[in-house]
Amino acid sequence: MTAIIVIPARMASSRFPSKPLAPIRGRTMIERVWRIAKAVPQASQVVIATDDLHLKTFAESFGAQVLMTSPTCPTGTDRVAEAARLLNLPDAIFFSLQGDAVLTPPWVINDVLEIMLANPTIQMATPITLLTGPALTHFISTKKAGSSTGTTVTFDKNYNALYFSKALIPYSRTNNPTVYRHIGLYAYRYPTLQQLSSLPEGPFEKAEQLEQLRALENGIPIRVVPVDYRGRTHGSVDRPEDVAIVESIIDHEGELLTRGVKS
């Protein structure tokens, strides 16, 4: 069974135009994410999916495989679904790695792919992490202050998601809540990816602005995979000011990758 990482990337972000080419400590964002994907042992192929010819040319200059997709794709998931159709590999697993996820450890992606490869009944999987200590305290305080940043998840005893929310779930009557934060990365089997891309937005998805709720609203189970960041900081780049934050994290924790990429 083949596992393919697809990196959806577009240049026309309203909040951060030309974001994939933004330099981060001497290397563009898109190359950093591509290098992370190439360091995932279980991934047999890495593809950048874009609608921009300049980005295609640039990515090919550092060795990336690039697929041109439609400029009308409404979401990254739709772009990944189109790339999957272009590759024409209906038995493959497709992992969507957002083009701004520059702090994603390769082992987090690998843990999700290993679960999918080992269990062919899983249609869709996503990583989660248990919040503890100062990270939990900070997360709870930001939620109490009304922040919509960060998504929580609850799941059953078989690690199938019950619900995702921008609110703090589950509600706890004790001072020791068990809170799992969702990491917005997904692995799909080809039929599930195509099905999701064709379904309309549901009421809970619309309310929470969380597209993974479309799967749950339509009876598609999502396997959650607890992962360990091993002391690394989770984060991505949404706005220009996030670049300085990411660079500060890299300066403090060091680079994620210390070796070259596999060919």
Protein backbone atom coordinates (compact mmCIF):
# COMPACT_ATOMS: atom_id res chain seq x y z
CA MET A 1 0.00 0.00 0.00
CA THR A 2 1.30 3.45 -0.96
CA ALA A 3 1.26 6.55 1.24
CA ILE A 4 1.59 9.91 -0.50
CA ILE A 5 2.02 13.30 1.15
CA VAL A 6 0.36 16.14 -0.76
CA ILE A 7 1.26 19.73 0.15
CA PRO A 8 -1.48 22.14 -1.02
CA ALA A 9 0.02 25.57 -1.60
CA ARG A 10 -1.38 28.75 -3.07
CA MET A 11 0.12 32.18 -3.56
CA ALA A 12 -3.11 34.21 -3.36
CA SER A 13 -3.64 34.21 0.41
CA SER A 14 -5.55 37.34 1.42
CA ARG A 15 -3.81 37.53 4.80
CA PHE A 16 -0.33 36.70 3.49
CA PRO A 17 0.18 37.05 -0.29
CA SER A 18 2.94 34.85 -1.77
CA LYS A 19 3.19 33.07 1.59
CA PRO A 20 4.86 29.86 0.27
CA LEU A 21 7.91 31.90 -0.81
CA ALA A 22 8.32 33.73 2.50
CA PRO A 23 11.86 33.19 3.83
CA ILE A 24 12.25 31.57 7.24
CA ARG A 25 15.83 31.54 8.51
CA GLY A 26 17.28 31.42 5.02
CA ARG A 27 14.88 28.90 3.46
CA THR A 28 11.45 29.43 1.93
CA MET A 29 8.38 28.16 3.70
CA ILE A 30 7.45 25.76 0.91
CA GLU A 31 10.90 24.16 0.83
CA ARG A 32 10.88 23.76 4.61
CA VAL A 33 7.55 21.92 4.51
CA TRP A 34 8.65 19.80 1.54
CA ARG A 35 11.81 18.79 3.42
CA ILE A 36 9.72 17.78 6.43
CA ALA A 37 7.54 15.59 4.18
CA LYS A 38 10.57 14.03 2.52
CA ALA A 39 11.88 13.02 5.95
CA VAL A 40 8.81 10.84 6.69
CA PRO A 41 9.89 7.17 6.35
CA GLN A 42 6.41 5.81 5.56
CA ALA A 43 5.79 8.26 2.71
CA SER A 44 6.69 6.83 -0.68
CA GLN A 45 5.98 10.07 -2.56
CA VAL A 46 5.73 13.79 -1.83
CA VAL A 47 3.82 16.14 -4.15
CA ILE A 48 3.23 19.88 -4.03
CA ALA A 49 -0.20 20.84 -5.41
CA THR A 50 -0.57 24.44 -6.58
CA ASP A 51 -2.32 26.65 -9.11
CA ASP A 52 0.64 29.00 -9.58
CA LEU A 53 3.20 28.49 -12.37
CA HIS A 54 5.87 30.61 -10.66
CA LEU A 55 5.60 28.50 -7.52
CA LYS A 56 5.74 25.33 -9.63
CA THR A 57 8.97 26.46 -11.29
CA PHE A 58 10.51 27.47 -7.99
CA ALA A 59 9.58 24.19 -6.25
CA GLU A 60 10.95 22.13 -9.12
CA SER A 61 14.25 24.02 -8.78
CA PHE A 62 14.88 22.37 -5.39
CA GLY A 63 13.76 18.94 -6.61
CA ALA A 64 10.06 18.82 -5.74
CA GLN A 65 7.40 17.02 -7.75
CA VAL A 66 4.60 19.50 -8.53
CA LEU A 67 1.06 19.05 -9.80
CA MET A 68 -0.95 21.94 -11.24
CA THR A 69 -4.45 22.07 -9.79
CA SER A 70 -7.43 24.33 -10.38
CA PRO A 71 -7.39 27.93 -9.06
CA THR A 72 -11.04 27.43 -8.03
CA CYS A 73 -10.32 24.83 -5.31
CA PRO A 74 -12.16 26.26 -2.27
CA THR A 75 -10.03 24.48 0.37
CA GLY A 76 -6.73 22.69 0.78
CA THR A 77 -8.65 19.42 1.06
CA ASP A 78 -10.21 20.01 -2.36
CA ARG A 79 -6.75 20.67 -3.80
CA VAL A 80 -5.44 17.44 -2.30
CA ALA A 81 -8.45 15.57 -3.69
CA GLU A 82 -7.77 16.93 -7.17
CA ALA A 83 -4.09 16.00 -6.90
CA ALA A 84 -5.13 12.48 -5.89
CA ARG A 85 -7.31 12.22 -8.99
CA LEU A 86 -4.45 13.41 -11.19
CA LEU A 87 -2.14 10.80 -9.70
CA ASN A 88 -4.81 8.14 -10.35
CA LEU A 89 -3.84 5.91 -7.43
CA PRO A 90 -7.19 4.79 -5.98
CA ASP A 91 -5.59 2.36 -3.52
CA ALA A 92 -3.23 4.92 -1.99
CA ILE A 93 -3.36 6.80 1.30
CA PHE A 94 -3.13 10.57 0.92
CA PHE A 95 -1.77 12.76 3.70
CA SER A 96 -2.59 16.48 3.53
CA LEU A 97 0.27 18.60 4.88
CA GLN A 98 -0.53 22.29 4.77
CA GLY A 99 2.11 24.41 3.07
CA ASP A 100 2.53 26.63 6.15
CA ALA A 101 3.06 23.80 8.68
CA VAL A 102 6.77 24.52 9.09
CA LEU A 103 7.05 23.22 12.67
CA THR A 104 5.48 19.79 12.08
CA PRO A 105 7.84 17.00 13.22
CA PRO A 106 8.19 14.25 10.60
CA TRP A 107 7.56 11.58 13.24
CA VAL A 108 4.07 13.01 13.91
CA ILE A 109 3.14 12.43 10.26
CA ASN A 110 4.81 9.04 10.32
CA ASP A 111 2.81 7.89 13.37
CA VAL A 112 -0.45 8.65 11.56
CA LEU A 113 0.64 6.90 8.37
CA GLU A 114 1.78 3.82 10.29
CA ILE A 115 -1.70 3.47 11.82
CA MET A 116 -3.35 3.81 8.41
CA LEU A 117 -0.97 1.36 6.75
CA ALA A 118 -1.43 -1.22 9.52
CA ASN A 119 -5.23 -1.08 9.54
CA PRO A 120 -6.97 -0.98 6.14
CA THR A 121 -10.38 -0.41 7.76
CA ILE A 122 -9.45 3.11 8.90
CA GLN A 123 -10.86 5.60 6.41
CA MET A 124 -9.38 8.78 7.84
CA ALA A 125 -6.91 9.60 10.62
CA THR A 126 -5.58 12.69 12.37
CA PRO A 127 -3.05 13.38 15.16
CA ILE A 128 -3.90 14.64 18.64
CA THR A 129 -1.78 15.49 21.65
CA LEU A 130 -2.53 15.39 25.37
CA LEU A 131 -2.15 18.77 27.03
CA THR A 132 -0.42 18.77 30.41
CA GLY A 133 1.35 21.15 32.77
CA PRO A 134 1.93 24.75 31.65
CA ALA A 135 0.64 24.01 28.14
CA LEU A 136 -2.71 22.90 29.55
CA THR A 137 -2.91 25.85 31.94
CA HIS A 138 -2.18 28.31 29.16
CA PHE A 139 -4.67 26.66 26.79
CA ILE A 140 -7.47 26.77 29.37
CA SER A 141 -6.78 30.41 30.20
CA THR A 142 -6.91 31.44 26.53
CA LYS A 143 -10.19 29.61 26.06
CA LYS A 144 -11.69 31.28 29.14
CA ALA A 145 -10.64 34.59 27.60
CA GLY A 146 -12.67 33.77 24.50
CA SER A 147 -9.92 32.66 22.10
CA SER A 148 -10.93 30.61 19.06
CA THR A 149 -7.35 29.45 18.52
CA GLY A 150 -6.81 25.75 19.13
CA THR A 151 -9.20 22.85 18.65
CA THR A 152 -10.06 20.17 21.21
CA VAL A 153 -11.37 16.67 20.57
CA THR A 154 -13.13 13.89 22.41
CA PHE A 155 -13.06 10.25 21.31
CA ASP A 156 -14.34 6.80 22.20
CA LYS A 157 -12.41 3.85 23.65
CA ASN A 158 -11.41 2.77 20.14
CA TYR A 159 -9.89 6.19 19.43
CA ASN A 160 -12.62 7.21 17.02
CA ALA A 161 -13.43 10.91 17.26
CA LEU A 162 -16.73 11.88 18.87
CA TYR A 163 -16.52 15.63 18.34
CA PHE A 164 -14.10 18.46 17.56
CA SER A 165 -14.64 21.95 18.91
CA LYS A 166 -13.10 25.39 19.23
CA ALA A 167 -14.55 25.28 22.75
CA LEU A 168 -12.84 23.51 25.61
CA ILE A 169 -14.16 19.92 25.67
CA PRO A 170 -14.89 17.93 27.67
CA TYR A 171 -16.26 20.19 30.37
CA SER A 172 -14.63 19.21 33.66
CA ARG A 173 -15.95 19.67 37.20
CA THR A 174 -12.48 18.96 38.63
CA ASN A 175 -9.20 20.83 38.56
CA ASN A 176 -7.56 18.05 36.55
CA PRO A 177 -9.27 17.97 33.15
CA THR A 178 -8.16 15.59 30.44
CA VAL A 179 -7.84 17.73 27.33
CA TYR A 180 -6.59 16.62 23.94
CA ARG A 181 -5.63 19.21 21.37
CA HIS A 182 -6.27 18.38 17.75
CA ILE A 183 -3.48 18.83 15.21
CA GLY A 184 -5.03 19.89 11.89
CA LEU A 185 -3.40 17.28 9.66
CA TYR A 186 -5.24 14.42 7.95
CA ALA A 187 -4.62 11.13 6.21
CA TYR A 188 -7.34 9.76 3.93
CA ARG A 189 -8.00 6.74 1.82
CA TYR A 190 -8.71 7.78 -1.74
CA PRO A 191 -12.49 7.03 -1.74
CA THR A 192 -13.00 8.90 1.54
CA LEU A 193 -11.05 11.92 0.29
CA GLN A 194 -13.14 12.11 -2.87
CA GLN A 195 -16.38 11.66 -0.93
CA LEU A 196 -15.54 14.45 1.51
CA SER A 197 -14.60 16.79 -1.31
CA SER A 198 -18.02 16.28 -2.90
CA LEU A 199 -20.15 16.72 0.24
CA PRO A 200 -21.77 20.05 1.17
CA GLU A 201 -20.89 21.97 4.31
CA GLY A 202 -22.90 20.80 7.33
CA PRO A 203 -24.43 22.88 10.15
CA PHE A 204 -21.84 21.94 12.79
CA GLU A 205 -18.99 22.49 10.35
CA LYS A 206 -20.44 25.88 9.51
CA ALA A 207 -20.88 26.83 13.17
CA GLU A 208 -17.41 25.74 14.31
CA GLN A 209 -15.59 26.48 11.03
CA LEU A 210 -13.97 23.02 11.27
CA GLU A 211 -14.10 21.07 8.03
CA GLN A 212 -13.37 17.71 9.73
CA LEU A 213 -16.88 17.91 11.20
CA ARG A 214 -18.18 17.29 7.68
CA ALA A 215 -16.89 13.72 8.01
CA LEU A 216 -18.56 13.13 11.38
CA GLU A 217 -21.83 14.72 10.23
CA ASN A 218 -21.91 12.24 7.35
CA GLY A 219 -21.04 9.15 9.38
CA ILE A 220 -17.39 8.92 8.28
CA PRO A 221 -15.31 7.81 11.28
CA ILE A 222 -12.06 9.64 12.06
CA ARG A 223 -9.35 7.72 13.93
CA VAL A 224 -7.40 9.97 16.28
CA VAL A 225 -3.73 9.14 16.82
CA PRO A 226 -2.06 10.38 20.03
CA VAL A 227 1.39 11.72 19.17
CA ASP A 228 4.38 13.02 21.12
CA TYR A 229 6.00 16.25 19.98
CA ARG A 230 9.10 15.32 22.01
CA GLY A 231 9.46 18.80 23.41
CA ARG A 232 8.97 20.58 20.09
CA THR A 233 6.53 23.46 19.75
CA HIS A 234 3.46 23.10 17.56
CA GLY A 235 2.73 25.94 15.18
CA SER A 236 2.27 27.24 11.65
CA VAL A 237 2.38 30.53 9.75
CA ASP A 238 -0.96 32.24 9.14
CA ARG A 239 0.08 35.91 9.00
CA PRO A 240 3.31 37.79 8.18
CA GLU A 241 3.93 38.46 11.88
CA ASP A 242 3.99 34.70 12.55
CA VAL A 243 7.31 34.40 10.69
CA ALA A 244 9.20 36.09 13.51
CA ILE A 245 7.50 33.80 16.06
CA VAL A 246 8.45 30.68 14.10
CA GLU A 247 12.02 31.91 13.65
CA SER A 248 12.27 32.49 17.41
CA ILE A 249 11.10 28.92 18.07
CA ILE A 250 13.65 27.54 15.60
CA ASP A 251 16.41 29.60 17.23
CA HIS A 252 15.44 28.26 20.66
CA GLU A 253 14.75 24.59 19.79
CA GLY A 254 17.02 24.11 16.77
CA GLU A 255 16.10 22.93 13.32
CA LEU A 256 13.74 19.97 13.00
CA LEU A 257 15.91 18.39 10.32
CA THR A 258 19.66 17.96 10.59
CA ARG A 259 20.19 15.80 7.52
CA GLY A 260 19.54 16.16 3.83
CA VAL A 261 16.34 14.90 2.24
CA LYS A 262 15.90 11.51 0.63
CA SER A 263 15.78 11.43 -3.14
